[in-house]
């Protein structure tokens, strides 16, 4: 496939200014140039339409990171944008409660299994913070057992090993990490901190499938020990189904959090919980934010929920993801390239190794570099959206085939680092 010559001059110039004016240069570490191929990948996106984005220098790409998950329907999706415009004519937010809060809450309660009652916030981090506070209030306990990344707040960041500035050391004693599917480790925590664990918070699934009975047994383990189970559905919510991964797997947690795809790019998150839990803590807990009832995002959320109700969007996203995954694996096998497109069709992940099975961020970098040069923008996950067309998918597979050939050549050369034209990406938190 022909590689178009691209200029990234405007992106690079603006990044220089950003470093002088913005802490860390951007608002989300995962969007920064360190997580892509600096010198080859664009740093800024100017606009998007459907499943395509254009950088500041006018170069076009098929996007698969989709805003790191929020864009479930597509950029500039008409039904959502029309709803936002109509709401804008009436007001963005008022001095009293907006009726849209009730309309959206009813849709959440209708479709999300764990939603007896809900509360709206703006970010996934805020939603998980709220869920943990509710759990601690309800149980009267301090300790939290957590899975993977659950946001930037102190209770979750304290269990990490990087960027610990400003974290109170005493917080760390109350936060305990476990690996997905490791039920034995959770059991160990319950034994060590008997009667002290408020909740276990985890994604219902990330990439690795749950072992048989894992989610159900995790819930039983929590309840047997007087703790709550929280599903962080900030990424999975509305991609696996309108009711989230909890509906897909048939395991209803006590509390859950939704965000990202809730409003197709507008800032909106949800903490949902069993009605008895929410009512029990109602008079004791403080979760209050001016923009929780901001009307443009609620209008977008209502439009997204209505788009999902027929099931057509979910079905299409899964079909697109499966088409990509099946054909990617076919190509990898035919070309004898040690890369896999793993995960569930609605949330896919590229797994890179060499021929000895070793992983290295250099390998990710080579493939991402060769893809973006040919017009396919990759990030940490591949999120098929409703607007990806068959033409997009087939173009992408052609790009992946070319990238695989370069990847294979790089590995077999014995010096894959020589194939880098830009700076290899780095793993970041958040």
Protein backbone atom coordinates (compact mmCIF):
# COMPACT_ATOMS: atom_id res chain seq x y z
CA UNK A 1 0.00 0.00 0.00
CA UNK A 2 1.27 3.45 -0.90
CA UNK A 3 2.53 5.56 2.00
CA UNK A 4 1.44 9.16 1.70
CA UNK A 5 3.98 11.81 2.56
CA UNK A 6 2.72 13.73 5.56
CA UNK A 7 3.78 16.89 7.31
CA UNK A 8 3.33 17.05 11.09
CA UNK A 9 4.84 20.52 11.39
CA UNK A 10 1.79 22.23 12.93
CA UNK A 11 1.37 19.45 15.50
CA UNK A 12 5.00 19.68 16.54
CA UNK A 13 4.90 23.49 16.80
CA UNK A 14 1.78 23.52 18.95
CA UNK A 15 3.23 20.83 21.23
CA UNK A 16 6.18 23.08 21.97
CA UNK A 17 3.79 25.81 23.11
CA UNK A 18 1.72 23.33 25.14
CA UNK A 19 4.73 22.24 27.16
CA UNK A 20 5.24 25.85 28.26
CA UNK A 21 1.61 26.40 29.26
CA UNK A 22 -0.01 23.08 30.30
CA UNK A 23 1.01 20.74 33.12
CA UNK A 24 2.47 17.68 31.35
CA UNK A 25 1.45 19.25 28.04
CA UNK A 26 -2.01 17.65 27.89
CA UNK A 27 -4.98 16.71 30.05
CA UNK A 28 -4.80 12.90 29.74
CA UNK A 29 -1.44 11.12 29.79
CA UNK A 30 -2.72 8.40 27.44
CA UNK A 31 -3.37 10.99 24.73
CA UNK A 32 0.10 12.51 24.88
CA UNK A 33 2.85 11.95 22.31
CA UNK A 34 4.75 9.57 24.63
CA UNK A 35 2.01 6.99 24.13
CA UNK A 36 2.25 7.20 20.35
CA UNK A 37 5.19 7.42 17.95
CA UNK A 38 6.49 10.96 18.32
CA UNK A 39 7.82 12.16 15.01
CA UNK A 40 5.55 9.84 13.01
CA UNK A 41 2.16 10.05 14.76
CA UNK A 42 0.20 13.31 14.88
CA UNK A 43 -0.04 14.96 18.30
CA UNK A 44 -3.26 16.91 17.70
CA UNK A 45 -6.58 16.06 16.07
CA UNK A 46 -8.35 18.98 14.46
CA UNK A 47 -11.72 17.33 13.76
CA UNK A 48 -13.50 14.03 13.25
CA UNK A 49 -16.36 12.71 11.14
CA UNK A 50 -17.79 9.21 11.31
CA UNK A 51 -14.82 6.97 12.14
CA UNK A 52 -12.24 9.30 10.56
CA UNK A 53 -10.13 12.06 12.08
CA UNK A 54 -7.96 14.80 10.58
CA UNK A 55 -4.86 16.13 12.28
CA UNK A 56 -3.79 19.74 12.54
CA UNK A 57 -1.81 19.44 9.30
CA UNK A 58 -4.81 18.10 7.35
CA UNK A 59 -3.81 14.41 7.28
CA UNK A 60 -6.69 11.90 7.43
CA UNK A 61 -6.80 8.69 9.49
CA UNK A 62 -9.25 5.92 10.30
CA UNK A 63 -9.49 6.09 14.10
CA UNK A 64 -9.73 3.02 16.34
CA UNK A 65 -8.99 4.60 19.72
CA UNK A 66 -12.24 6.60 19.38
CA UNK A 67 -11.39 9.23 21.98
CA UNK A 68 -10.06 6.39 24.21
CA UNK A 69 -13.50 4.81 24.21
CA UNK A 70 -16.20 7.50 24.31
CA UNK A 71 -17.06 7.59 20.60
CA UNK A 72 -19.37 4.59 20.31
CA UNK A 73 -21.58 5.87 17.49
CA UNK A 74 -19.11 7.98 15.53
CA UNK A 75 -17.84 11.55 15.39
CA UNK A 76 -20.55 14.10 14.55
CA UNK A 77 -23.25 11.44 14.87
CA UNK A 78 -26.39 13.23 13.74
CA UNK A 79 -28.93 12.02 16.31
CA UNK A 80 -26.64 12.94 19.20
CA UNK A 81 -25.50 16.25 17.75
CA UNK A 82 -29.10 17.21 16.94
CA UNK A 83 -30.12 16.46 20.54
CA UNK A 84 -27.28 18.62 21.86
CA UNK A 85 -28.16 21.49 19.52
CA UNK A 86 -31.83 21.32 20.50
CA UNK A 87 -30.90 21.40 24.17
CA UNK A 88 -28.50 24.28 23.55
CA UNK A 89 -31.47 26.34 22.33
CA UNK A 90 -33.13 25.79 25.72
CA UNK A 91 -30.09 26.12 28.00
CA UNK A 92 -26.98 24.27 29.15
CA UNK A 93 -27.86 24.18 32.83
CA UNK A 94 -30.15 26.01 35.20
CA UNK A 95 -30.44 27.28 38.77
CA UNK A 96 -32.79 24.41 39.62
CA UNK A 97 -33.00 20.76 38.64
CA UNK A 98 -33.48 19.94 34.93
CA UNK A 99 -36.15 17.42 33.84
CA UNK A 100 -33.54 15.72 31.65
CA UNK A 101 -32.00 14.31 34.83
CA UNK A 102 -35.15 12.32 35.49
CA UNK A 103 -35.54 11.23 31.87
CA UNK A 104 -31.99 9.87 31.73
CA UNK A 105 -32.23 8.28 35.18
CA UNK A 106 -35.33 6.35 34.11
CA UNK A 107 -33.45 5.00 31.07
CA UNK A 108 -30.51 3.95 33.25
CA UNK A 109 -32.77 2.17 35.75
CA UNK A 110 -34.61 0.49 32.90
CA UNK A 111 -31.54 -0.90 31.15
CA UNK A 112 -28.71 -1.29 33.69
CA UNK A 113 -29.24 -4.36 35.94
CA UNK A 114 -27.48 -2.84 38.98
CA UNK A 115 -29.26 0.52 38.70
CA UNK A 116 -31.88 0.74 41.44
CA UNK A 117 -30.92 4.39 41.73
CA UNK A 118 -28.26 6.48 39.99
CA UNK A 119 -26.19 9.63 40.42
CA UNK A 120 -24.60 11.56 37.54
CA UNK A 121 -21.07 12.94 37.43
CA UNK A 122 -18.65 13.97 34.70
CA UNK A 123 -15.76 11.50 34.64
CA UNK A 124 -15.10 7.82 35.17
CA UNK A 125 -12.74 8.65 38.03
CA UNK A 126 -15.47 10.63 39.79
CA UNK A 127 -17.91 7.75 39.37
CA UNK A 128 -15.53 5.17 40.85
CA UNK A 129 -14.70 7.61 43.67
CA UNK A 130 -18.42 7.90 44.39
CA UNK A 131 -18.91 4.12 44.32
CA UNK A 132 -16.09 3.55 46.80
CA UNK A 133 -17.43 6.24 49.11
CA UNK A 134 -20.90 4.68 48.98
CA UNK A 135 -19.43 1.25 49.76
CA UNK A 136 -17.43 2.56 52.71
CA UNK A 137 -20.42 4.43 54.05
CA UNK A 138 -22.76 1.45 53.68
CA UNK A 139 -20.40 -1.10 55.26
CA UNK A 140 -18.66 1.17 57.76
CA UNK A 141 -15.32 -0.27 56.59
CA UNK A 142 -12.13 1.28 55.19
CA UNK A 143 -10.31 -1.29 53.06
CA UNK A 144 -10.76 -1.57 49.27
CA UNK A 145 -9.59 -4.45 47.07
CA UNK A 146 -9.09 -3.25 43.52
CA UNK A 147 -8.28 -4.66 40.09
CA UNK A 148 -6.73 -2.66 37.28
CA UNK A 149 -6.82 1.10 36.63
CA UNK A 150 -9.84 2.77 38.21
CA UNK A 151 -9.03 6.46 37.87
CA UNK A 152 -6.76 9.15 39.29
CA UNK A 153 -8.21 9.60 42.78
CA UNK A 154 -6.13 8.94 45.88
CA UNK A 155 -7.64 5.62 46.93
CA UNK A 156 -6.79 4.01 43.59
CA UNK A 157 -3.54 5.80 42.68
CA UNK A 158 -2.14 4.88 46.11
CA UNK A 159 -1.88 1.26 44.97
CA UNK A 160 0.32 2.15 41.99
CA UNK A 161 4.10 2.38 41.85
CA UNK A 162 4.46 5.57 39.79
CA UNK A 163 3.42 9.23 40.13
CA UNK A 164 2.97 9.02 43.89
CA UNK A 165 3.58 12.72 44.53
CA UNK A 166 1.01 14.18 46.91
CA UNK A 167 -0.43 10.79 47.89
CA UNK A 168 -0.71 10.41 51.67
CA UNK A 169 1.40 7.37 52.68
CA UNK A 170 -1.20 6.27 55.23
CA UNK A 171 -3.78 5.81 52.45
CA UNK A 172 -1.83 2.89 50.99
CA UNK A 173 -2.62 0.57 53.88
CA UNK A 174 -6.29 0.58 52.87
CA UNK A 175 -5.88 -0.27 49.17
CA UNK A 176 -4.96 -3.75 47.89
CA UNK A 177 -4.46 -4.88 44.28
CA UNK A 178 -5.26 -8.22 42.70
CA UNK A 179 -4.93 -9.62 39.19
CA UNK A 180 -8.05 -10.41 37.22
CA UNK A 181 -9.23 -14.03 37.68
CA UNK A 182 -7.07 -14.44 40.82
CA UNK A 183 -9.84 -15.34 43.25
CA UNK A 184 -7.32 -16.87 45.66
CA UNK A 185 -5.67 -13.48 46.18
CA UNK A 186 -9.03 -11.87 46.98
CA UNK A 187 -9.74 -14.67 49.45
CA UNK A 188 -6.36 -14.02 51.03
CA UNK A 189 -7.21 -10.34 51.50
CA UNK A 190 -10.52 -11.20 53.12
CA UNK A 191 -8.69 -13.50 55.53
CA UNK A 192 -5.95 -10.94 56.30
CA UNK A 193 -8.36 -8.04 56.74
CA UNK A 194 -11.28 -9.96 58.20
CA UNK A 195 -14.32 -7.74 58.70
CA UNK A 196 -12.48 -4.67 57.35
CA UNK A 197 -13.01 -4.78 53.56
CA UNK A 198 -15.75 -2.49 52.27
CA UNK A 199 -15.71 -3.54 48.62
CA UNK A 200 -13.97 -5.23 45.76
CA UNK A 201 -13.87 -3.10 42.61
CA UNK A 202 -12.92 -4.58 39.25
CA UNK A 203 -13.80 -4.45 35.59
CA UNK A 204 -16.21 -7.28 34.76
CA UNK A 205 -13.73 -8.05 31.99
CA UNK A 206 -10.85 -6.29 30.26
CA UNK A 207 -9.15 -8.49 27.66
CA UNK A 208 -8.66 -11.83 29.40
CA UNK A 209 -12.01 -13.70 29.61
CA UNK A 210 -13.28 -14.54 33.09
CA UNK A 211 -12.56 -18.08 34.19
CA UNK A 212 -15.67 -20.22 34.50
CA UNK A 213 -17.70 -18.94 37.42
CA UNK A 214 -15.16 -16.25 38.39
CA UNK A 215 -17.54 -13.28 38.48
CA UNK A 216 -20.30 -15.18 40.26
CA UNK A 217 -17.86 -16.61 42.81
CA UNK A 218 -16.34 -13.16 43.35
CA UNK A 219 -19.77 -11.77 44.17
CA UNK A 220 -20.48 -14.66 46.53
CA UNK A 221 -17.11 -14.17 48.23
CA UNK A 222 -17.84 -10.47 48.78
CA UNK A 223 -21.28 -11.11 50.24
CA UNK A 224 -20.05 -13.95 52.44
CA UNK A 225 -17.63 -11.49 53.99
CA UNK A 226 -20.03 -8.56 54.26
CA UNK A 227 -18.46 -6.56 51.43
CA UNK A 228 -19.92 -5.08 48.25
CA UNK A 229 -18.97 -5.90 44.67
CA UNK A 230 -18.40 -2.94 42.35
CA UNK A 231 -18.06 -3.33 38.59
CA UNK A 232 -16.10 -0.54 36.93
CA UNK A 233 -17.92 -0.34 33.58
CA UNK A 234 -16.43 3.01 32.56
CA UNK A 235 -14.88 1.38 29.48
CA UNK A 236 -17.19 -1.61 28.97
CA UNK A 237 -20.46 0.15 29.63
CA UNK A 238 -22.69 0.43 26.54
CA UNK A 239 -20.13 -1.40 24.37
CA UNK A 240 -20.86 -4.93 25.57
CA UNK A 241 -24.57 -4.15 25.68
CA UNK A 242 -26.95 -1.40 26.73
CA UNK A 243 -26.74 -2.89 30.22
CA UNK A 244 -22.97 -3.19 30.17
CA UNK A 245 -20.74 -6.22 30.67
CA UNK A 246 -22.79 -7.12 33.76
CA UNK A 247 -25.78 -7.79 31.52
CA UNK A 248 -23.62 -9.67 29.01
CA UNK A 249 -22.18 -11.99 31.68
CA UNK A 250 -25.35 -12.20 33.74
CA UNK A 251 -23.74 -11.15 37.05
CA UNK A 252 -25.22 -8.08 38.73
CA UNK A 253 -22.89 -6.19 41.09
CA UNK A 254 -24.04 -4.17 44.08
CA UNK A 255 -22.68 -0.96 42.57
CA UNK A 256 -21.36 -0.07 39.13
CA UNK A 257 -19.89 2.87 37.30
CA UNK A 258 -20.35 3.97 33.69
CA UNK A 259 -18.69 6.73 31.67
CA UNK A 260 -16.81 7.15 28.38
CA UNK A 261 -19.37 5.93 25.80
CA UNK A 262 -22.37 7.15 27.80
CA UNK A 263 -22.75 10.33 25.77
CA UNK A 264 -20.67 9.70 22.59
CA UNK A 265 -17.97 12.15 23.60
CA UNK A 266 -19.82 14.53 25.90
CA UNK A 267 -18.68 14.35 29.56
CA UNK A 268 -21.08 12.17 31.52
CA UNK A 269 -20.61 9.37 34.04
CA UNK A 270 -22.91 7.32 36.24
CA UNK A 271 -22.70 5.61 39.59
CA UNK A 272 -25.50 3.05 39.84
CA UNK A 273 -26.46 0.90 42.79
CA UNK A 274 -28.94 -1.36 44.44
CA UNK A 275 -31.88 0.71 45.63
CA UNK A 276 -31.58 -0.40 49.25
CA UNK A 277 -27.88 0.55 49.35
CA UNK A 278 -28.46 3.95 47.77
CA UNK A 279 -31.33 4.74 50.11
CA UNK A 280 -29.41 3.57 53.17
CA UNK A 281 -26.51 5.96 52.54
CA UNK A 282 -28.60 8.84 51.18
CA UNK A 283 -28.62 10.99 54.34
CA UNK A 284 -25.04 10.22 55.31
CA UNK A 285 -23.04 10.61 52.13
CA UNK A 286 -21.87 13.69 50.25
CA UNK A 287 -21.77 13.43 46.46
CA UNK A 288 -22.68 16.79 44.97
CA UNK A 289 -21.45 18.57 41.84
CA UNK A 290 -22.73 21.54 39.87
CA UNK A 291 -22.23 19.90 36.49
CA UNK A 292 -23.75 16.51 37.35
CA UNK A 293 -27.00 17.84 35.91
CA UNK A 294 -25.45 19.74 32.97
CA UNK A 295 -28.06 19.45 30.24
CA UNK A 296 -26.04 19.12 27.02
CA UNK A 297 -24.39 15.93 28.21
CA UNK A 298 -27.68 14.55 29.49
CA UNK A 299 -29.30 15.26 26.12
CA UNK A 300 -26.45 13.40 24.44
CA UNK A 301 -26.79 10.54 26.93
CA UNK A 302 -30.50 10.22 26.27
CA UNK A 303 -29.85 10.16 22.51
CA UNK A 304 -27.18 7.46 22.92
CA UNK A 305 -29.44 5.33 25.10
CA UNK A 306 -32.28 5.62 22.55
CA UNK A 307 -29.88 4.64 19.76
CA UNK A 308 -28.89 1.55 21.72
CA UNK A 309 -32.39 0.40 22.66
CA UNK A 310 -33.14 -1.54 19.47
CA UNK A 311 -29.95 -3.59 19.80
CA UNK A 312 -28.89 -2.74 16.24
CA UNK A 313 -25.89 -0.66 17.31
CA UNK A 314 -24.54 -3.31 19.67
CA UNK A 315 -25.00 -6.04 17.06
CA UNK A 316 -23.21 -3.97 14.40
CA UNK A 317 -20.28 -3.10 16.66
CA UNK A 318 -19.75 -6.75 17.58
CA UNK A 319 -19.97 -7.80 13.92
CA UNK A 320 -17.41 -5.18 12.85
CA UNK A 321 -15.08 -6.20 15.66
CA UNK A 322 -15.39 -9.88 14.82
CA UNK A 323 -14.68 -9.20 11.14
CA UNK A 324 -11.50 -7.35 12.09
CA UNK A 325 -10.43 -9.97 14.62
CA UNK A 326 -11.06 -13.00 12.41
CA UNK A 327 -9.30 -11.53 9.40
CA UNK A 328 -6.43 -10.13 11.46
CA UNK A 329 -5.78 -13.58 12.90
CA UNK A 330 -5.99 -15.12 9.43
CA UNK A 331 -3.39 -12.66 8.12
CA UNK A 332 -1.10 -13.15 11.11
CA UNK A 333 -1.18 -16.91 10.59
CA UNK A 334 -0.62 -16.69 6.83
CA UNK A 335 2.31 -14.29 7.25
CA UNK A 336 3.71 -16.08 10.30
CA UNK A 337 3.72 -12.94 12.45
CA UNK A 338 3.54 -13.24 16.28
CA UNK A 339 0.79 -10.66 16.83
CA UNK A 340 -2.73 -11.35 18.05
CA UNK A 341 -5.86 -9.22 18.11
CA UNK A 342 -7.29 -10.47 21.40
CA UNK A 343 -10.28 -9.64 23.54
CA UNK A 344 -13.97 -9.33 22.80
CA UNK A 345 -15.12 -7.89 19.43
CA UNK A 346 -16.41 -4.70 21.07
CA UNK A 347 -13.09 -4.09 22.87
CA UNK A 348 -10.01 -5.50 21.17
CA UNK A 349 -6.35 -5.38 22.08
CA UNK A 350 -3.20 -5.94 20.01
CA UNK A 351 -0.74 -8.34 21.66
CA UNK A 352 2.80 -8.10 20.30
CA UNK A 353 5.70 -10.54 20.87
CA UNK A 354 8.80 -11.76 19.10
CA UNK A 355 9.22 -15.33 17.89
CA UNK A 356 10.36 -16.43 21.36
CA UNK A 357 7.19 -15.06 22.94
CA UNK A 358 8.89 -12.08 24.59
CA UNK A 359 7.08 -8.75 24.86
CA UNK A 360 8.66 -5.34 24.38
CA UNK A 361 7.13 -1.88 23.89
CA UNK A 362 9.40 -1.58 20.87
CA UNK A 363 7.27 -4.19 19.11
CA UNK A 364 4.07 -2.21 19.76
CA UNK A 365 5.85 0.87 18.45
CA UNK A 366 6.90 -0.69 15.15
CA UNK A 367 3.39 -1.88 14.30
CA UNK A 368 1.71 1.38 15.39
CA UNK A 369 4.27 3.37 13.39
CA UNK A 370 3.67 1.41 10.19
CA UNK A 371 -0.11 1.67 10.64
CA UNK A 372 -0.25 5.42 11.22
CA UNK A 373 2.06 6.06 8.24
CA UNK A 374 -0.59 4.36 6.10
CA UNK A 375 -3.58 6.15 7.60
CA UNK A 376 -4.74 4.02 10.55
CA UNK A 377 -4.53 5.60 14.01
CA UNK A 378 -4.10 3.11 16.86
CA UNK A 379 -3.98 3.51 20.63
CA UNK A 380 -4.16 1.12 23.57
CA UNK A 381 -7.32 -0.63 22.40
CA UNK A 382 -9.27 -1.07 19.19
CA UNK A 383 -12.81 0.18 19.69
CA UNK A 384 -15.05 -0.52 16.69
CA UNK A 385 -17.75 2.12 16.48
CA UNK A 386 -21.10 2.13 14.72
CA UNK A 387 -19.76 4.43 11.97
CA UNK A 388 -16.86 2.23 10.86
CA UNK A 389 -17.81 1.17 7.33
CA UNK A 390 -16.95 -2.03 5.50
CA UNK A 391 -14.61 0.06 3.36
CA UNK A 392 -12.89 1.28 6.55
CA UNK A 393 -12.46 -2.27 7.83
CA UNK A 394 -11.05 -3.58 4.55
CA UNK A 395 -8.69 -0.63 4.18
CA UNK A 396 -7.53 -1.23 7.74
CA UNK A 397 -6.84 -4.90 7.10
CA UNK A 398 -4.73 -3.96 4.07
CA UNK A 399 -2.77 -1.56 6.26
CA UNK A 400 -2.38 -4.23 8.94
CA UNK A 401 -1.07 -6.67 6.33
CA UNK A 402 1.63 -4.20 5.26
CA UNK A 403 2.48 -3.41 8.88
CA UNK A 404 2.77 -7.14 9.64
CA UNK A 405 5.27 -7.59 6.82
CA UNK A 406 7.46 -4.78 8.16
CA UNK A 407 7.09 -6.18 11.68
CA UNK A 408 8.20 -9.62 10.51
CA UNK A 409 11.18 -8.16 8.68
CA UNK A 410 12.15 -6.13 11.75
CA UNK A 411 12.07 -9.16 14.05
CA UNK A 412 14.00 -11.37 11.65
CA UNK A 413 16.67 -8.69 11.14
CA UNK A 414 17.84 -9.16 14.71
CA UNK A 415 17.83 -5.36 15.15
CA UNK A 416 14.15 -4.28 15.25
CA UNK A 417 15.12 -0.95 16.83
CA UNK A 418 16.59 0.11 13.48
CA UNK A 419 13.08 0.10 11.99
CA UNK A 420 11.92 2.95 14.22
CA UNK A 421 11.54 6.27 12.44
CA UNK A 422 10.14 8.05 15.49
CA UNK A 423 10.46 7.67 19.25
CA UNK A 424 9.20 4.35 20.67
CA UNK A 425 6.13 4.73 22.85
CA UNK A 426 6.18 4.48 26.64
CA UNK A 427 3.72 2.90 29.01
CA UNK A 428 1.95 5.49 31.17
CA UNK A 429 -0.55 5.44 34.02
CA UNK A 430 -3.85 7.01 32.95
